């Protein structure tokens, strides 16, 4: 017997939530091909009307479930009853899933203590010491929620997700994990499954996970992003500064294309403060964390071979849509 946990994204707007349910299968060998299509009640997830409520779940990726015996995590995309992509299906927006494109997403988030209704480390009715001691911190007076974060890291690694690191972030109770993958679909699958595991592990500790880009409002505390590092063959191999300039200049022509899929309420985060550029402006610069796109100094030191970092995606953005937009703009720049 095997437990298959089918995971999908609901139809809530402006930010989707994760949903899942378990199917029991006999004589299951652990392959994606063995995972059947399944259905669910879309009228309960803002994805269908009650009179015609069936939506389909199409399995697209499978990972071992490290927290359940004889179990697997099955990432799916939502289809209409006729087999066409549902309007909520961000994975279907990937027009050209070119594995020549590599992505490294830096997923920031806040742990949120459900008993006290604030992040761990925040005193009742106020704020902890100002930002400064929490980033990459250690010690009970600086780092909050480490047990949950460490368990999440181990679970992701056991599931086969390509997590490349974690760290405490700038605000108290704020953390980050990084995932690298080749291709937009694989990158999105891994981020969503990692988010799912974090949500599920948080249940054990009494933490919900706040993906909002500015959960503490317009205060002097950093928001949460999902910085998107990306490269293609030309960026990695050509050694030509003009390749990077052409891509950055093309991004500047499509602000709306990117901001429209870079997460709800991102205007609260992209203010020009706290290591961001304003949401209605575009800039790029070497080692500039206040720019829309940062050119890492390592890219230059390696002879203009490497990656770029789009710092605008919010923590609640759909990685499928972010990666799809990045590929589209790079190709329109004639550089990939």
Protein backbone atom coordinates (compact mmCIF):
# COMPACT_ATOMS: atom_id res chain seq x y z
CA UNK A 1 0.00 0.00 0.00
CA UNK A 2 1.20 3.50 -0.80
CA UNK A 3 -0.14 6.88 0.25
CA UNK A 4 -0.16 9.43 -2.56
CA UNK A 5 -0.62 13.02 -1.42
CA UNK A 6 -2.00 14.94 -4.39
CA UNK A 7 -1.07 18.64 -4.06
CA UNK A 8 -2.63 21.46 -6.06
CA UNK A 9 -3.23 25.21 -6.08
CA UNK A 10 -6.72 26.50 -5.45
CA UNK A 11 -8.53 29.36 -7.18
CA UNK A 12 -8.38 31.97 -4.43
CA UNK A 13 -7.43 35.46 -5.55
CA UNK A 14 -5.21 37.40 -5.54
CA UNK A 15 -3.02 34.73 -3.89
CA UNK A 16 -3.60 31.01 -4.27
CA UNK A 17 -3.37 28.53 -1.42
CA UNK A 18 -2.15 24.96 -1.36
CA UNK A 19 -4.61 22.07 -1.13
CA UNK A 20 -4.00 18.32 -0.87
CA UNK A 21 -5.71 15.00 -0.35
CA UNK A 22 -4.56 11.39 0.01
CA UNK A 23 -5.14 8.47 -2.31
CA UNK A 24 -4.26 4.88 -1.34
CA UNK A 25 -2.77 2.71 -4.10
CA UNK A 26 -1.91 -0.99 -4.12
CA UNK A 27 1.25 -2.31 -5.75
CA UNK A 28 2.61 1.17 -6.39
CA UNK A 29 6.14 1.34 -7.80
CA UNK A 30 6.86 5.00 -7.11
CA UNK A 31 6.76 6.40 -10.64
CA UNK A 32 4.87 9.38 -12.01
CA UNK A 33 3.41 7.24 -14.78
CA UNK A 34 1.58 5.14 -12.19
CA UNK A 35 -0.19 8.17 -10.70
CA UNK A 36 -3.70 8.37 -12.16
CA UNK A 37 -5.65 11.47 -12.98
CA UNK A 38 -7.93 12.37 -10.09
CA UNK A 39 -10.79 14.77 -9.50
CA UNK A 40 -11.92 17.10 -6.74
CA UNK A 41 -14.77 19.43 -5.85
CA UNK A 42 -13.79 22.70 -7.46
CA UNK A 43 -16.81 24.47 -5.94
CA UNK A 44 -15.05 24.23 -2.56
CA UNK A 45 -11.81 25.80 -3.82
CA UNK A 46 -13.11 28.72 -5.92
CA UNK A 47 -12.45 26.74 -9.10
CA UNK A 48 -15.94 25.68 -10.22
CA UNK A 49 -19.64 26.22 -9.72
CA UNK A 50 -21.66 23.80 -7.60
CA UNK A 51 -23.74 22.65 -10.56
CA UNK A 52 -20.65 21.54 -12.47
CA UNK A 53 -18.04 21.12 -9.79
CA UNK A 54 -15.58 18.49 -11.01
CA UNK A 55 -12.02 19.60 -11.71
CA UNK A 56 -9.16 17.28 -12.64
CA UNK A 57 -5.74 16.80 -11.07
CA UNK A 58 -3.00 15.92 -13.54
CA UNK A 59 0.16 14.57 -11.84
CA UNK A 60 3.30 16.36 -13.04
CA UNK A 61 5.98 15.52 -10.45
CA UNK A 62 6.49 12.98 -7.68
CA UNK A 63 8.72 12.96 -4.61
CA UNK A 64 9.07 10.60 -1.66
CA UNK A 65 7.16 11.86 1.37
CA UNK A 66 9.70 11.92 4.22
CA UNK A 67 7.10 12.26 6.95
CA UNK A 68 4.77 9.38 6.17
CA UNK A 69 5.41 5.67 5.81
CA UNK A 70 5.16 4.29 2.26
CA UNK A 71 4.13 7.66 0.93
CA UNK A 72 4.73 10.11 -1.92
CA UNK A 73 4.08 13.77 -2.63
CA UNK A 74 2.44 14.22 -6.04
CA UNK A 75 2.45 17.75 -7.45
CA UNK A 76 -0.42 18.26 -9.86
CA UNK A 77 -1.86 20.91 -12.12
CA UNK A 78 -5.57 21.67 -12.29
CA UNK A 79 -7.55 20.96 -15.45
CA UNK A 80 -11.14 21.61 -16.37
CA UNK A 81 -13.42 18.60 -16.76
CA UNK A 82 -12.74 18.63 -20.53
CA UNK A 83 -8.98 18.35 -19.97
CA UNK A 84 -8.07 21.94 -20.78
CA UNK A 85 -5.94 23.99 -18.40
CA UNK A 86 -7.93 25.68 -15.64
CA UNK A 87 -7.61 29.47 -15.46
CA UNK A 88 -5.91 29.06 -12.07
CA UNK A 89 -3.21 26.81 -13.56
CA UNK A 90 0.01 28.83 -13.40
CA UNK A 91 2.09 25.94 -14.72
CA UNK A 92 0.16 26.14 -17.99
CA UNK A 93 1.44 29.71 -18.54
CA UNK A 94 4.91 28.32 -19.29
CA UNK A 95 4.98 28.66 -23.07
CA UNK A 96 8.54 27.47 -23.60
CA UNK A 97 9.96 25.26 -20.87
CA UNK A 98 13.55 25.44 -22.00
CA UNK A 99 15.91 23.54 -19.68
CA UNK A 100 18.66 25.82 -20.92
CA UNK A 101 17.20 28.25 -18.37
CA UNK A 102 18.39 27.68 -14.82
CA UNK A 103 16.62 29.19 -11.82
CA UNK A 104 17.64 29.76 -8.24
CA UNK A 105 14.74 31.01 -6.13
CA UNK A 106 15.40 32.58 -2.73
CA UNK A 107 12.14 32.01 -0.85
CA UNK A 108 11.65 34.29 2.16
CA UNK A 109 8.78 33.89 4.63
CA UNK A 110 7.66 34.69 8.15
CA UNK A 111 6.79 32.09 10.72
CA UNK A 112 3.57 33.19 12.43
CA UNK A 113 2.68 31.95 15.91
CA UNK A 114 -1.04 31.17 15.80
CA UNK A 115 -1.43 31.43 19.60
CA UNK A 116 -0.09 34.97 19.92
CA UNK A 117 -0.92 36.12 16.37
CA UNK A 118 2.53 37.49 15.58
CA UNK A 119 5.93 36.16 14.53
CA UNK A 120 7.98 34.34 17.15
CA UNK A 121 10.29 36.84 18.83
CA UNK A 122 7.72 39.65 18.79
CA UNK A 123 6.51 40.75 22.23
CA UNK A 124 2.82 41.29 22.91
CA UNK A 125 1.59 44.63 21.60
CA UNK A 126 4.93 45.76 20.22
CA UNK A 127 8.12 45.02 18.38
CA UNK A 128 11.45 43.45 19.32
CA UNK A 129 14.75 45.26 18.99
CA UNK A 130 15.23 46.91 15.58
CA UNK A 131 16.56 44.97 12.61
CA UNK A 132 20.21 44.11 12.73
CA UNK A 133 20.90 41.13 15.01
CA UNK A 134 18.51 38.66 13.33
CA UNK A 135 20.06 38.13 9.88
CA UNK A 136 21.98 34.81 9.80
CA UNK A 137 21.76 34.89 13.58
CA UNK A 138 22.38 32.38 16.33
CA UNK A 139 21.21 32.40 19.93
CA UNK A 140 17.85 32.41 21.69
CA UNK A 141 17.65 36.20 21.75
CA UNK A 142 18.14 36.50 17.99
CA UNK A 143 16.94 33.36 16.19
CA UNK A 144 13.33 32.24 16.53
CA UNK A 145 11.70 29.07 15.22
CA UNK A 146 14.87 27.20 14.33
CA UNK A 147 13.46 23.76 15.23
CA UNK A 148 10.71 24.14 12.64
CA UNK A 149 13.09 25.47 10.01
CA UNK A 150 15.63 22.68 10.53
CA UNK A 151 12.95 20.01 10.32
CA UNK A 152 11.75 21.57 7.07
CA UNK A 153 15.26 21.54 5.62
CA UNK A 154 15.72 17.85 6.43
CA UNK A 155 12.32 16.98 4.99
CA UNK A 156 13.05 18.80 1.73
CA UNK A 157 16.39 17.04 1.33
CA UNK A 158 14.85 13.64 2.07
CA UNK A 159 12.16 14.37 -0.51
CA UNK A 160 14.86 14.97 -3.12
CA UNK A 161 14.29 18.71 -3.48
CA UNK A 162 17.38 20.59 -4.56
CA UNK A 163 17.58 22.94 -1.58
CA UNK A 164 20.91 24.75 -1.62
CA UNK A 165 20.70 26.48 1.74
CA UNK A 166 18.72 28.21 4.46
CA UNK A 167 19.29 31.24 6.67
CA UNK A 168 17.58 33.46 9.20
CA UNK A 169 16.52 36.68 7.53
CA UNK A 170 16.61 40.38 8.44
CA UNK A 171 13.49 40.47 10.62
CA UNK A 172 12.81 38.43 13.75
CA UNK A 173 10.93 35.24 12.88
CA UNK A 174 11.76 35.62 9.19
CA UNK A 175 13.63 32.86 7.32
CA UNK A 176 14.66 31.86 3.82
CA UNK A 177 15.38 28.72 1.82
CA UNK A 178 16.95 28.52 -1.63
CA UNK A 179 16.16 26.03 -4.39
CA UNK A 180 17.97 25.54 -7.70
CA UNK A 181 16.45 23.80 -10.72
CA UNK A 182 16.77 23.63 -14.48
CA UNK A 183 13.64 24.60 -16.39
CA UNK A 184 10.65 26.66 -15.32
CA UNK A 185 8.33 23.73 -14.56
CA UNK A 186 10.81 21.86 -12.39
CA UNK A 187 11.73 25.03 -10.50
CA UNK A 188 8.06 25.77 -9.85
CA UNK A 189 7.27 22.19 -8.83
CA UNK A 190 10.07 22.16 -6.28
CA UNK A 191 9.21 25.54 -4.75
CA UNK A 192 5.55 24.60 -4.37
CA UNK A 193 6.34 21.23 -2.80
CA UNK A 194 8.82 22.90 -0.43
CA UNK A 195 6.13 25.41 0.51
CA UNK A 196 3.71 22.55 1.10
CA UNK A 197 6.14 20.77 3.41
CA UNK A 198 6.76 23.97 5.34
CA UNK A 199 3.04 24.57 5.81
CA UNK A 200 2.53 21.00 6.99
CA UNK A 201 5.50 21.00 9.37
CA UNK A 202 4.39 24.34 10.76
CA UNK A 203 1.20 22.67 11.98
CA UNK A 204 3.28 20.66 14.46
CA UNK A 205 4.82 23.80 15.97
CA UNK A 206 1.72 25.98 15.96
CA UNK A 207 3.12 28.15 13.17
CA UNK A 208 1.26 29.24 10.11
CA UNK A 209 3.48 30.45 7.27
CA UNK A 210 2.99 34.05 6.21
CA UNK A 211 3.91 34.46 2.54
CA UNK A 212 2.69 38.08 2.36
CA UNK A 213 5.39 40.42 1.03
CA UNK A 214 4.87 42.91 3.87
CA UNK A 215 3.07 41.17 6.75
CA UNK A 216 4.17 43.80 9.27
CA UNK A 217 2.61 46.59 7.23
CA UNK A 218 4.27 49.88 6.42
CA UNK A 219 6.77 49.64 9.25
CA UNK A 220 10.54 49.87 9.33
CA UNK A 221 10.87 46.10 8.88
CA UNK A 222 11.92 44.29 5.73
CA UNK A 223 9.34 42.54 3.63
CA UNK A 224 9.64 39.08 2.13
CA UNK A 225 10.66 38.35 -1.44
CA UNK A 226 11.36 35.41 -3.69
CA UNK A 227 14.43 36.70 -5.49
CA UNK A 228 14.80 34.97 -8.86
CA UNK A 229 18.32 34.17 -9.98
CA UNK A 230 18.41 33.04 -13.60
CA UNK A 231 20.75 32.22 -16.44
CA UNK A 232 20.80 30.65 -19.88
CA UNK A 233 23.58 29.25 -22.03
CA UNK A 234 24.52 32.62 -23.49
CA UNK A 235 24.82 34.16 -20.03
CA UNK A 236 26.85 31.25 -18.66
CA UNK A 237 29.19 30.78 -21.61
CA UNK A 238 29.55 33.80 -23.89
CA UNK A 239 31.64 36.05 -21.67
CA UNK A 240 29.99 39.06 -23.31
CA UNK A 241 28.80 42.04 -21.26
CA UNK A 242 26.48 42.99 -24.12
CA UNK A 243 24.38 39.85 -23.51
CA UNK A 244 23.62 40.98 -19.96
CA UNK A 245 23.01 44.58 -20.98
CA UNK A 246 20.56 43.54 -23.70
CA UNK A 247 18.60 41.36 -21.26
CA UNK A 248 18.45 44.04 -18.56
CA UNK A 249 17.36 46.67 -21.09
CA UNK A 250 14.61 44.37 -22.37
CA UNK A 251 13.35 43.79 -18.82
CA UNK A 252 13.02 47.55 -18.47
CA UNK A 253 10.57 47.57 -21.39
CA UNK A 254 8.22 45.08 -19.73
CA UNK A 255 7.67 46.28 -16.18
CA UNK A 256 3.95 45.46 -16.26
CA UNK A 257 4.51 41.95 -17.64
CA UNK A 258 6.67 41.08 -14.67
CA UNK A 259 5.00 43.02 -11.87
CA UNK A 260 1.61 41.54 -12.85
CA UNK A 261 2.85 38.05 -11.87
CA UNK A 262 5.37 38.98 -9.18
CA UNK A 263 2.88 38.72 -6.31
CA UNK A 264 -0.11 40.51 -4.79
CA UNK A 265 0.46 43.54 -2.53
CA UNK A 266 4.02 43.81 -3.78
CA UNK A 267 3.60 47.59 -3.85
CA UNK A 268 3.83 47.47 -0.05
CA UNK A 269 7.29 45.91 -0.35
CA UNK A 270 8.74 47.55 -3.48
CA UNK A 271 8.93 51.08 -2.10
CA UNK A 272 12.54 52.00 -2.82
CA UNK A 273 13.44 51.26 0.80
CA UNK A 274 14.61 48.13 2.63
CA UNK A 275 16.77 46.90 -0.27
CA UNK A 276 14.14 47.37 -2.99
CA UNK A 277 13.51 49.51 -6.05
CA UNK A 278 10.13 51.25 -6.38
CA UNK A 279 7.48 49.10 -8.04
CA UNK A 280 6.92 51.58 -10.89
CA UNK A 281 10.61 52.03 -11.71
CA UNK A 282 13.27 49.81 -13.22
CA UNK A 283 16.99 49.80 -12.69
CA UNK A 284 19.90 47.41 -12.83
CA UNK A 285 23.36 47.58 -11.38
CA UNK A 286 26.38 45.65 -10.23
CA UNK A 287 25.99 44.32 -6.69
CA UNK A 288 23.06 46.74 -6.16
CA UNK A 289 20.43 45.31 -3.84
CA UNK A 290 18.35 48.43 -4.31
CA UNK A 291 18.00 47.75 -8.02
CA UNK A 292 15.27 45.84 -9.82
CA UNK A 293 17.90 43.50 -11.23
CA UNK A 294 21.23 42.95 -9.52
CA UNK A 295 24.26 41.90 -11.54
CA UNK A 296 26.24 39.76 -9.08
CA UNK A 297 29.88 40.78 -8.77
CA UNK A 298 30.79 37.12 -9.30
CA UNK A 299 29.36 37.29 -12.82
CA UNK A 300 31.81 40.06 -13.69
CA UNK A 301 34.75 38.45 -11.91
CA UNK A 302 34.14 35.31 -13.97
CA UNK A 303 34.49 37.32 -17.18
CA UNK A 304 30.82 38.18 -17.68
CA UNK A 305 29.74 34.58 -17.29
CA UNK A 306 26.99 33.74 -14.83
CA UNK A 307 23.56 34.92 -13.79
CA UNK A 308 21.28 37.83 -13.00
CA UNK A 309 19.06 38.31 -9.98
CA UNK A 310 15.57 39.79 -10.38
CA UNK A 311 14.88 41.11 -6.89
CA UNK A 312 11.27 42.10 -7.52
CA UNK A 313 9.28 38.84 -7.12
CA UNK A 314 7.40 38.78 -3.83
CA UNK A 315 7.37 35.89 -1.41
CA UNK A 316 3.80 35.02 -2.43
CA UNK A 317 4.48 34.98 -6.19
CA UNK A 318 3.78 31.88 -8.27
CA UNK A 319 7.21 30.57 -9.35
CA UNK A 320 5.71 29.06 -12.51
CA UNK A 321 4.54 32.47 -13.69
CA UNK A 322 7.72 34.22 -12.59
CA UNK A 323 9.92 31.80 -14.51
CA UNK A 324 7.67 31.92 -17.58
CA UNK A 325 7.87 35.72 -17.70
CA UNK A 326 11.65 35.69 -17.32
CA UNK A 327 12.11 33.22 -20.20
CA UNK A 328 9.76 35.22 -22.42
CA UNK A 329 11.60 38.50 -21.87
CA UNK A 330 15.07 36.97 -22.29
CA UNK A 331 14.03 35.46 -25.61
CA UNK A 332 12.56 38.74 -26.78
CA UNK A 333 15.93 40.29 -26.00
CA UNK A 334 17.38 37.89 -28.57
CA UNK A 335 19.60 36.32 -25.94
CA UNK A 336 18.22 32.86 -25.47
